[in-house]
Amino acid sequence: MNPVKIQEVRRRSLAENYGIKAGDKLVSINGKKLRDIIDYELCAANEDICLDVIQNGSQRRINIKNTRLESLGVIFSTSLFDGVKRCANKCIFCFIDQLPPGMRKSVYIKDDDYRLSFLYGNFITLTNMKEQDIERIIKHRLSPIYVSLHTTNPELRAKMLGRKRKDRTYEYLKILLDAGIEIHIQMVLCPGINDGAELDKSIDELSTKYEGVSSIGLVPVGLTAYRDGLYPLRAFERQEIEDLIKQAKKWQSKFEKERGYALVYIADEFYISTGHNIPPLEHYGEFPQIENGIGLTRLFIDEVQSKLDSFDSVRYRHNIAIITGTLFKNVMGNLLGKIKERTGAKIDAVAVENAYFGGKVNVTGLITGSDIITSVKKKFLENGKPDVLVIPDIVLNGDGFMLDNYTPDMIASEIGVKVEVVRSTGAGFVEDMLEVLKKNDISLGGSCGKAKCRKVNASE
């Protein structure tokens, strides 16, 4: 394994005190070469730490006394020092296979790595696992693990994953569950394939043969316009979604009586697209499928309301537009109405049509800069330009780029309107929206309460 480059060293940390600098390369800790951040954390949790580090081209040994077992203060650019484990399946519903050309190379990577599942909640198929991987998960209690299962029917799963090799997933599932590893299941539902009676069978078997499963998430297949040559799939029709919601409710009622929680949770998209109310907060318990986006809408709505209830009204005369996906338009519109009541500002949602991906893609997280520009220019022609265009941070990666490599500054330059980025959590969204309103100092007065809004007279 190659040495791993240290990206940053925190100030006044142990690492800085012992002369470790950004750009150094970590070779080993206590003689052990490191595969990933998990190895690093385990090895660094000792009172006596021996680091082999490459500095300025020369290898150096650094012995650290860490009697208080504090963090060394070292930050790496990646969590996987030996590289990401790739997916070898050819799933009939794979979203990566449907991506348009010309995107960043990293977007096309198909990861299927149990470490990313433990660290970040990525769903994995377990098909590329080796026995030593299973042993490591159990030994170091790498829990929870999130598994893309899709069905308990082995033949159907082989078809859906495009596999011809032997699949030990069901065997591994039982081993992990018997060892007390927390497992969350995802099923990507494809109409006419693994829904209906097949879904009933899968839920029944997961709740009986795999009793330790902590949750089952049901999500719709995502379809873009780039499916030439791929397996023929279609989106759910409205009546099929209505039937699915009823089917899920039947299982949820059963498990709530037997276990005290729903076990089966369905994607927010199913509720929103058919006009159903999102279930209440208590339905989701500890939000076991939040990594799948399930329950995120309820959490967002309730956080927004709670945050709005925590401050008194203040009056502004801003004209603000905020972009959102077409799926979330009505939800966002209702929430913006509540913000308008508290602030007096004119705030409108701009539902962005996703031409970049096409197909049935309608979620906010997959909006691109080019589609934002097209949609807002059309909106501006109809209603005039706002003072500010607001973009949720969910459309940006960690480096501030959208999927088509646009940045907020590039959009601002293109449309001639100031662009602000706000957080995508409910509380963060309200706080950042209030900050956007305060920035230009043209409020019309009012009481600020807990939000600490600055009052500004209209004459200022």
Protein backbone atom coordinates (compact mmCIF):
# COMPACT_ATOMS: atom_id res chain seq x y z
CA MET A 1 0.00 0.00 0.00
CA ASN A 2 1.23 3.45 -0.92
CA PRO A 3 1.82 6.13 1.71
CA VAL A 4 -1.15 8.46 2.19
CA LYS A 5 -0.74 12.20 1.80
CA ILE A 6 -1.65 14.42 4.75
CA GLN A 7 -3.85 17.23 3.49
CA GLU A 8 -4.05 19.31 6.65
CA VAL A 9 -2.73 19.42 10.21
CA ARG A 10 -4.87 21.18 12.78
CA ARG A 11 -3.27 24.02 14.69
CA ARG A 12 -2.03 23.25 18.20
CA SER A 13 -2.67 19.54 17.64
CA LEU A 14 -0.42 16.67 18.68
CA ALA A 15 0.67 16.21 15.07
CA GLU A 16 1.71 19.87 14.78
CA ASN A 17 3.54 19.71 18.10
CA TYR A 18 5.57 16.76 16.82
CA GLY A 19 6.51 18.48 13.57
CA ILE A 20 4.06 16.83 11.17
CA LYS A 21 3.04 19.11 8.30
CA ALA A 22 0.55 19.21 5.45
CA GLY A 23 2.07 17.49 2.44
CA ASP A 24 3.85 14.84 4.51
CA LYS A 25 3.04 11.23 3.66
CA LEU A 26 2.06 8.72 6.32
CA VAL A 27 3.64 5.32 5.70
CA SER A 28 2.52 3.37 8.76
CA ILE A 29 1.48 3.54 12.41
CA ASN A 30 3.17 1.15 14.86
CA GLY A 31 4.47 -0.79 11.87
CA LYS A 32 1.03 -1.29 10.31
CA LYS A 33 0.35 -0.04 6.81
CA LEU A 34 -3.04 1.61 6.58
CA ARG A 35 -5.82 0.67 4.19
CA ASP A 36 -8.21 3.43 5.18
CA ILE A 37 -9.29 5.93 7.81
CA ILE A 38 -10.68 3.06 9.89
CA ASP A 39 -7.21 1.52 10.25
CA TYR A 40 -5.84 4.97 11.02
CA GLU A 41 -8.33 5.67 13.81
CA LEU A 42 -7.81 2.24 15.37
CA CYS A 43 -4.01 2.47 15.25
CA ALA A 44 -3.94 6.07 16.49
CA ALA A 45 -6.03 5.18 19.55
CA ASN A 46 -2.96 4.23 21.60
CA GLU A 47 -0.88 5.95 24.25
CA ASP A 48 2.36 5.15 22.42
CA ILE A 49 2.26 5.88 18.70
CA CYS A 50 5.12 5.32 16.28
CA LEU A 51 4.59 7.07 12.94
CA ASP A 52 6.67 6.43 9.84
CA VAL A 53 6.36 9.61 7.79
CA ILE A 54 7.93 10.82 4.56
CA GLN A 55 8.98 14.47 4.87
CA ASN A 56 10.78 16.32 2.07
CA GLY A 57 11.52 13.03 0.31
CA SER A 58 13.06 11.31 3.35
CA GLN A 59 11.42 8.82 5.67
CA ARG A 60 11.36 9.79 9.32
CA ARG A 61 10.14 7.99 12.44
CA ILE A 62 8.15 10.02 14.97
CA ASN A 63 7.25 8.65 18.40
CA ILE A 64 4.26 10.31 20.02
CA LYS A 65 3.13 10.06 23.64
CA ASN A 66 -0.65 10.30 23.70
CA THR A 67 -1.61 9.54 27.30
CA ARG A 68 -4.94 11.35 26.96
CA LEU A 69 -5.83 9.46 23.76
CA GLU A 70 -6.66 12.68 21.96
CA SER A 71 -6.95 13.10 18.20
CA LEU A 72 -3.65 13.56 16.41
CA GLY A 73 -5.19 16.37 14.36
CA VAL A 74 -4.33 14.93 10.95
CA ILE A 75 -6.74 15.30 8.01
CA PHE A 76 -6.51 13.28 4.80
CA SER A 77 -7.98 14.04 1.38
CA THR A 78 -9.64 10.62 1.22
CA SER A 79 -11.01 8.05 3.64
CA LEU A 80 -9.88 5.11 1.49
CA PHE A 81 -6.10 5.02 1.27
CA ASP A 82 -5.98 1.91 -0.93
CA GLY A 83 -8.66 3.11 -3.35
CA VAL A 84 -12.38 2.57 -3.62
CA LYS A 85 -13.80 -0.90 -4.27
CA ARG A 86 -15.71 -0.76 -7.56
CA CYS A 87 -19.04 -2.32 -8.41
CA ALA A 88 -18.77 -5.30 -10.78
CA ASN A 89 -22.51 -5.66 -11.30
CA LYS A 90 -24.51 -4.60 -14.34
CA CYS A 91 -27.74 -3.61 -12.63
CA ILE A 92 -30.68 -3.08 -14.95
CA PHE A 93 -31.56 0.10 -13.03
CA CYS A 94 -28.05 1.50 -12.49
CA PHE A 95 -28.25 5.29 -12.42
CA ILE A 96 -24.56 5.71 -13.31
CA ASP A 97 -25.15 3.89 -16.60
CA GLN A 98 -27.77 6.54 -17.44
CA LEU A 99 -25.63 9.62 -16.86
CA PRO A 100 -25.17 12.10 -19.69
CA PRO A 101 -21.68 12.46 -21.18
CA GLY A 102 -19.26 15.24 -20.31
CA MET A 103 -19.53 15.21 -16.51
CA ARG A 104 -16.65 15.05 -14.02
CA LYS A 105 -14.87 11.68 -14.10
CA SER A 106 -15.52 11.09 -10.41
CA VAL A 107 -19.29 11.12 -11.04
CA TYR A 108 -19.02 7.99 -13.19
CA ILE A 109 -17.33 5.89 -10.48
CA LYS A 110 -19.49 2.96 -9.38
CA ASP A 111 -18.48 2.35 -5.79
CA ASP A 112 -19.53 -0.77 -3.91
CA ASP A 113 -17.37 -0.45 -0.81
CA TYR A 114 -18.42 -1.60 2.66
CA ARG A 115 -16.21 1.05 4.23
CA LEU A 116 -18.19 3.82 2.54
CA SER A 117 -21.33 2.13 3.79
CA PHE A 118 -20.10 2.26 7.38
CA LEU A 119 -18.57 5.73 7.14
CA TYR A 120 -21.15 7.57 5.05
CA GLY A 121 -24.24 5.40 4.69
CA ASN A 122 -23.64 4.35 1.07
CA PHE A 123 -25.70 1.35 0.03
CA ILE A 124 -23.71 -1.68 -1.10
CA THR A 125 -24.68 -4.98 -2.74
CA LEU A 126 -22.31 -7.28 -0.75
CA THR A 127 -21.53 -9.03 -4.05
CA ASN A 128 -17.82 -8.11 -4.09
CA MET A 129 -17.24 -8.99 -0.45
CA LYS A 130 -14.63 -11.47 0.68
CA GLU A 131 -14.72 -13.46 3.89
CA GLN A 132 -11.97 -11.29 5.37
CA ASP A 133 -14.15 -8.23 4.74
CA ILE A 134 -17.01 -9.81 6.66
CA GLU A 135 -14.61 -10.78 9.45
CA ARG A 136 -13.27 -7.23 9.64
CA ILE A 137 -16.77 -5.76 9.89
CA ILE A 138 -17.58 -8.09 12.78
CA LYS A 139 -14.22 -7.77 14.55
CA HIS A 140 -14.20 -3.98 14.57
CA ARG A 141 -17.99 -3.58 14.87
CA LEU A 142 -18.31 -1.57 11.66
CA SER A 143 -22.00 -0.96 12.14
CA PRO A 144 -24.44 0.00 10.71
CA ILE A 145 -24.10 -1.35 7.18
CA TYR A 146 -26.52 -0.38 4.39
CA VAL A 147 -27.37 -3.08 1.85
CA SER A 148 -28.96 -2.77 -1.61
CA LEU A 149 -30.92 -6.02 -1.75
CA HIS A 150 -33.94 -5.30 -4.00
CA THR A 151 -35.46 -8.76 -3.50
CA THR A 152 -35.06 -11.97 -1.50
CA ASN A 153 -35.62 -14.00 -4.67
CA PRO A 154 -32.10 -15.18 -5.70
CA GLU A 155 -32.98 -15.67 -9.37
CA LEU A 156 -34.68 -12.29 -9.61
CA ARG A 157 -31.78 -10.58 -7.84
CA ALA A 158 -29.32 -12.14 -10.28
CA LYS A 159 -31.39 -10.73 -13.13
CA MET A 160 -31.67 -7.27 -11.56
CA LEU A 161 -27.95 -7.10 -10.78
CA GLY A 162 -26.92 -8.62 -14.11
CA ARG A 163 -24.90 -11.30 -12.36
CA LYS A 164 -23.88 -14.75 -13.51
CA ARG A 165 -21.44 -15.51 -10.72
CA LYS A 166 -22.45 -17.01 -7.40
CA ASP A 167 -23.93 -14.46 -5.01
CA ARG A 168 -23.25 -14.99 -1.30
CA THR A 169 -25.20 -11.92 -0.20
CA TYR A 170 -27.94 -13.82 1.64
CA GLU A 171 -25.34 -15.94 3.45
CA TYR A 172 -23.34 -12.85 4.41
CA LEU A 173 -26.49 -11.09 5.58
CA LYS A 174 -27.21 -13.85 8.07
CA ILE A 175 -23.62 -13.94 9.30
CA LEU A 176 -23.60 -10.18 9.90
CA LEU A 177 -27.01 -10.19 11.57
CA ASP A 178 -26.08 -13.13 13.80
CA ALA A 179 -22.99 -11.17 14.86
CA GLY A 180 -25.15 -8.22 15.90
CA ILE A 181 -24.27 -5.90 13.02
CA GLU A 182 -27.03 -3.37 12.35
CA ILE A 183 -28.31 -3.81 8.80
CA HIS A 184 -30.54 -1.48 6.79
CA ILE A 185 -32.01 -2.71 3.51
CA GLN A 186 -32.73 -0.76 0.34
CA MET A 187 -35.02 -1.96 -2.43
CA VAL A 188 -35.01 -0.05 -5.70
CA LEU A 189 -38.48 -0.80 -7.01
CA CYS A 190 -38.91 -1.37 -10.73
CA PRO A 191 -42.56 -1.59 -11.87
CA GLY A 192 -43.57 -5.09 -12.90
CA ILE A 193 -40.30 -6.62 -11.72
CA ASN A 194 -39.79 -6.58 -7.95
CA ASP A 195 -42.95 -4.83 -6.75
CA GLY A 196 -46.40 -6.26 -6.03
CA ALA A 197 -46.37 -9.91 -4.92
CA GLU A 198 -42.57 -10.10 -5.17
CA LEU A 199 -42.30 -7.19 -2.75
CA ASP A 200 -44.69 -8.83 -0.29
CA LYS A 201 -42.59 -11.99 -0.41
CA SER A 202 -39.37 -10.04 0.15
CA ILE A 203 -40.73 -8.09 3.13
CA ASP A 204 -42.16 -11.26 4.66
CA GLU A 205 -38.87 -13.15 4.32
CA LEU A 206 -36.77 -10.25 5.59
CA SER A 207 -38.96 -10.01 8.69
CA THR A 208 -38.83 -13.75 9.40
CA LYS A 209 -35.65 -15.29 7.96
CA TYR A 210 -33.56 -12.17 8.59
CA GLU A 211 -35.16 -10.96 11.81
CA GLY A 212 -32.33 -8.65 12.81
CA VAL A 213 -32.85 -6.32 9.84
CA SER A 214 -33.36 -2.84 11.29
CA SER A 215 -35.24 -1.19 8.43
CA ILE A 216 -36.38 -1.69 4.84
CA GLY A 217 -36.45 1.31 2.50
CA LEU A 218 -38.48 1.28 -0.71
CA VAL A 219 -37.37 3.77 -3.37
CA PRO A 220 -38.43 4.24 -7.01
CA VAL A 221 -36.12 3.48 -9.90
CA GLY A 222 -34.51 6.64 -11.26
CA LEU A 223 -34.77 7.05 -15.03
CA THR A 224 -32.96 9.59 -17.19
CA ALA A 225 -33.22 10.20 -20.93
CA TYR A 226 -29.95 8.31 -21.50
CA ARG A 227 -31.17 4.72 -21.58
CA ASP A 228 -30.41 3.67 -25.15
CA GLY A 229 -29.38 0.02 -25.20
CA LEU A 230 -30.28 -0.52 -21.54
CA TYR A 231 -32.90 -2.81 -20.04
CA PRO A 232 -36.42 -1.49 -20.80
CA LEU A 233 -37.74 0.07 -17.60
CA ARG A 234 -40.55 2.51 -16.95
CA ALA A 235 -41.61 4.82 -14.16
CA PHE A 236 -44.45 4.07 -11.76
CA GLU A 237 -47.92 5.15 -12.82
CA ARG A 238 -50.01 7.08 -10.30
CA GLN A 239 -52.32 4.15 -9.52
CA GLU A 240 -49.34 1.87 -8.98
CA ILE A 241 -47.98 4.33 -6.44
CA GLU A 242 -51.36 4.48 -4.70
CA ASP A 243 -51.35 0.67 -4.52
CA LEU A 244 -47.79 0.67 -3.20
CA ILE A 245 -48.64 3.14 -0.44
CA LYS A 246 -51.56 0.92 0.64
CA GLN A 247 -49.33 -2.15 0.46
CA ALA A 248 -46.68 -0.48 2.60
CA LYS A 249 -49.28 0.72 5.13
CA LYS A 250 -50.45 -2.86 5.59
CA TRP A 251 -46.94 -3.99 6.51
CA GLN A 252 -46.26 -0.90 8.60
CA SER A 253 -49.40 -1.47 10.68
CA LYS A 254 -48.41 -5.09 11.23
CA PHE A 255 -44.88 -4.25 12.37
CA GLU A 256 -45.97 -1.31 14.51
CA LYS A 257 -48.22 -3.68 16.46
CA GLU A 258 -45.62 -6.44 16.68
CA ARG A 259 -42.41 -4.42 17.10
CA GLY A 260 -43.45 -0.91 17.98
CA TYR A 261 -42.02 0.61 14.79
CA ALA A 262 -42.83 0.54 11.07
CA LEU A 263 -39.74 -1.39 9.79
CA VAL A 264 -40.83 -0.61 6.19
CA TYR A 265 -40.43 2.98 4.98
CA ILE A 266 -41.17 4.34 1.52
CA ALA A 267 -39.52 7.17 -0.36
CA ASP A 268 -40.83 10.71 0.12
CA GLU A 269 -41.21 10.90 -3.65
CA PHE A 270 -44.07 8.39 -3.59
CA TYR A 271 -46.07 10.57 -1.18
CA ILE A 272 -45.27 13.90 -2.81
CA SER A 273 -45.95 12.81 -6.40
CA THR A 274 -49.45 11.61 -5.49
CA GLY A 275 -50.38 14.47 -3.18
CA HIS A 276 -50.32 12.39 0.00
CA ASN A 277 -49.27 14.00 3.25
CA ILE A 278 -45.82 13.02 4.43
CA PRO A 279 -46.19 10.84 7.57
CA PRO A 280 -45.63 12.59 10.91
CA LEU A 281 -42.24 12.76 12.59
CA GLU A 282 -42.97 9.88 14.97
CA HIS A 283 -43.56 7.52 12.03
CA TYR A 284 -39.86 7.63 11.20
CA GLY A 285 -38.60 6.95 14.72
CA GLU A 286 -34.84 7.46 14.62
CA PHE A 287 -34.95 7.96 10.84
CA PRO A 288 -33.17 4.69 9.97
CA GLN A 289 -33.41 5.35 6.23
CA ILE A 290 -32.36 9.00 6.27
CA GLU A 291 -29.25 8.07 4.25
CA ASN A 292 -31.73 7.03 1.56
CA GLY A 293 -33.51 10.37 1.78
CA ILE A 294 -36.55 8.72 3.35
CA GLY A 295 -38.20 11.04 5.85
CA LEU A 296 -36.01 13.96 4.84
CA THR A 297 -39.02 16.00 3.72
CA ARG A 298 -40.80 15.57 7.05
CA LEU A 299 -37.63 16.52 8.90
CA PHE A 300 -37.19 19.60 6.71
CA ILE A 301 -40.81 20.75 7.10
CA ASP A 302 -40.81 20.35 10.88
CA GLU A 303 -37.42 22.01 11.32
CA VAL A 304 -38.53 24.99 9.23
CA GLN A 305 -41.71 25.37 11.29
CA SER A 306 -39.86 25.00 14.58
CA LYS A 307 -37.29 27.60 13.56
CA LEU A 308 -39.96 30.03 12.40
CA ASP A 309 -41.75 29.61 15.73
CA SER A 310 -38.57 30.62 17.55
CA PHE A 311 -38.49 34.24 16.38
CA ASP A 312 -40.87 37.17 16.09
CA SER A 313 -41.91 38.77 12.83
CA VAL A 314 -39.68 41.22 11.00
CA ARG A 315 -40.61 43.12 7.84
CA TYR A 316 -38.49 43.22 4.70
CA ARG A 317 -39.16 44.42 1.18
CA HIS A 318 -36.88 42.02 -0.64
CA ASN A 319 -37.83 40.17 -3.81
CA ILE A 320 -36.19 36.75 -3.67
CA ALA A 321 -36.36 33.70 -5.92
CA ILE A 322 -35.26 30.25 -4.75
CA ILE A 323 -34.68 27.31 -7.03
CA THR A 324 -36.10 23.85 -6.35
CA GLY A 325 -36.80 20.63 -8.20
CA THR A 326 -40.21 20.18 -9.81
CA LEU A 327 -41.03 17.38 -7.35
CA PHE A 328 -40.54 19.66 -4.33
CA LYS A 329 -42.23 22.75 -5.80
CA ASN A 330 -45.48 22.55 -3.83
CA VAL A 331 -43.75 21.63 -0.57
CA MET A 332 -41.33 24.53 -0.97
CA GLY A 333 -44.15 26.87 -1.96
CA ASN A 334 -46.06 26.12 1.25
CA LEU A 335 -42.98 26.71 3.39
CA LEU A 336 -42.10 29.94 1.60
CA GLY A 337 -45.63 31.14 2.31
CA LYS A 338 -44.91 30.80 6.03
CA ILE A 339 -41.62 32.66 5.68
CA LYS A 340 -43.41 35.44 3.79
CA GLU A 341 -45.89 35.80 6.65
CA ARG A 342 -43.04 36.31 9.12
CA THR A 343 -40.86 38.57 6.98
CA GLY A 344 -43.09 40.37 4.50
CA ALA A 345 -40.58 39.61 1.75
CA LYS A 346 -41.66 38.49 -1.69
CA ILE A 347 -40.19 35.00 -2.04
CA ASP A 348 -41.02 32.76 -4.98
CA ALA A 349 -39.96 29.23 -5.83
CA VAL A 350 -38.58 28.57 -9.30
CA ALA A 351 -39.17 24.94 -10.25
CA VAL A 352 -36.26 23.91 -12.46
CA GLU A 353 -37.03 21.48 -15.27
CA ASN A 354 -34.20 18.96 -15.50
CA ALA A 355 -33.28 18.93 -19.18
CA TYR A 356 -29.69 17.92 -18.39
CA PHE A 357 -30.70 14.43 -17.25
CA GLY A 358 -34.12 14.37 -18.88
CA GLY A 359 -36.40 11.41 -18.35
CA LYS A 360 -38.21 11.40 -15.02
CA VAL A 361 -35.51 13.16 -12.97
CA ASN A 362 -37.22 15.81 -10.83
CA VAL A 363 -35.35 16.04 -7.51
CA THR A 364 -33.52 19.15 -6.33
CA GLY A 365 -30.20 17.41 -5.68
CA LEU A 366 -29.69 16.66 -9.39
CA ILE A 367 -30.33 20.17 -10.68
CA THR A 368 -27.53 21.58 -12.83
CA GLY A 369 -26.31 25.10 -13.44
CA SER A 370 -27.33 25.11 -17.09
CA ASP A 371 -30.91 24.16 -16.20
CA ILE A 372 -31.03 26.79 -13.46
CA ILE A 373 -30.01 29.46 -15.95
CA THR A 374 -32.63 28.36 -18.49
CA SER A 375 -35.44 28.20 -15.93
CA VAL A 376 -34.71 31.46 -14.12
CA LYS A 377 -34.27 33.45 -17.34
CA LYS A 378 -37.71 32.30 -18.41
CA LYS A 379 -39.10 33.20 -14.98
CA PHE A 380 -37.43 36.62 -15.08
CA LEU A 381 -39.02 37.39 -18.45
CA GLU A 382 -42.44 36.71 -16.92
CA ASN A 383 -42.01 38.35 -13.50
CA GLY A 384 -38.91 40.52 -13.69
CA LYS A 385 -35.59 39.97 -11.95
CA PRO A 386 -35.49 39.41 -8.18
CA ASP A 387 -32.98 41.07 -5.87
CA VAL A 388 -31.39 37.72 -5.08
CA LEU A 389 -31.49 34.18 -6.44
CA VAL A 390 -31.13 31.54 -3.71
CA ILE A 391 -29.62 28.12 -4.40
CA PRO A 392 -29.69 25.26 -1.84
CA ASP A 393 -26.29 23.76 -1.10
CA ILE A 394 -27.56 20.28 -1.95
CA VAL A 395 -26.85 21.02 -5.63
CA LEU A 396 -23.14 21.63 -4.91
CA ASN A 397 -20.31 19.24 -4.17
CA GLY A 398 -17.69 19.86 -1.49
CA ASP A 399 -15.71 22.07 -3.87
CA GLY A 400 -18.70 24.26 -4.72
CA PHE A 401 -19.39 22.83 -8.18
CA MET A 402 -22.64 21.57 -9.66
CA LEU A 403 -22.88 18.38 -11.66
CA ASP A 404 -22.19 20.26 -14.90
CA ASN A 405 -19.29 22.18 -13.31
CA TYR A 406 -21.17 25.45 -12.93
CA THR A 407 -20.57 27.49 -9.77
CA PRO A 408 -22.92 30.00 -8.10
CA ASP A 409 -20.66 32.84 -9.29
CA MET A 410 -20.89 31.62 -12.88
CA ILE A 411 -24.68 31.57 -12.64
CA ALA A 412 -24.74 35.08 -11.14
CA SER A 413 -22.60 36.36 -14.00
CA GLU A 414 -24.82 34.68 -16.58
CA ILE A 415 -28.17 35.94 -15.25
CA GLY A 416 -27.10 39.30 -13.85
CA VAL A 417 -28.55 38.63 -10.39
CA LYS A 418 -26.81 38.15 -7.07
CA VAL A 419 -26.74 34.48 -6.04
CA GLU A 420 -26.73 33.25 -2.44
CA VAL A 421 -26.29 29.66 -1.25
CA VAL A 422 -28.31 28.39 1.72
CA ARG A 423 -28.14 25.20 3.72
CA SER A 424 -30.54 22.37 2.95
CA THR A 425 -31.47 21.44 6.50
CA GLY A 426 -34.71 22.95 7.75
CA ALA A 427 -33.16 25.01 10.54
CA GLY A 428 -30.17 26.01 8.42
CA PHE A 429 -32.45 26.99 5.56
CA VAL A 430 -34.45 29.43 7.71
CA GLU A 431 -31.34 30.89 9.36
CA ASP A 432 -29.64 31.43 6.01
CA MET A 433 -32.76 32.87 4.39
CA LEU A 434 -33.01 35.41 7.22
CA GLU A 435 -29.35 36.25 6.72
CA VAL A 436 -29.98 36.81 3.00
CA LEU A 437 -32.82 39.17 3.88
CA LYS A 438 -30.68 41.10 6.35
CA LYS A 439 -27.70 41.56 4.06
CA ASN A 440 -29.03 44.52 2.11
CA ASP A 441 -30.27 46.30 5.24
CA ILE A 442 -33.64 47.35 3.84
CA SER A 443 -35.97 45.90 6.44
CA LEU A 444 -39.07 47.84 7.36
CA GLY A 445 -38.73 47.33 11.10
CA GLY A 446 -40.20 44.76 13.45
CA SER A 447 -39.20 42.55 16.34
CA CYS A 448 -36.24 40.24 16.00
CA GLY A 449 -36.66 37.78 18.86
CA LYS A 450 -34.46 34.70 19.00
CA ALA A 451 -33.32 34.90 15.38
CA LYS A 452 -31.27 38.02 16.26
CA CYS A 453 -32.46 39.83 13.16
CA ARG A 454 -31.17 43.35 12.81
CA LYS A 455 -33.95 45.94 12.68
CA VAL A 456 -33.44 48.65 10.10
CA ASN A 457 -35.74 51.63 9.56
CA ALA A 458 -37.19 52.12 6.10
CA SER A 459 -35.56 55.55 5.93
CA GLU A 460 -32.05 54.13 6.22
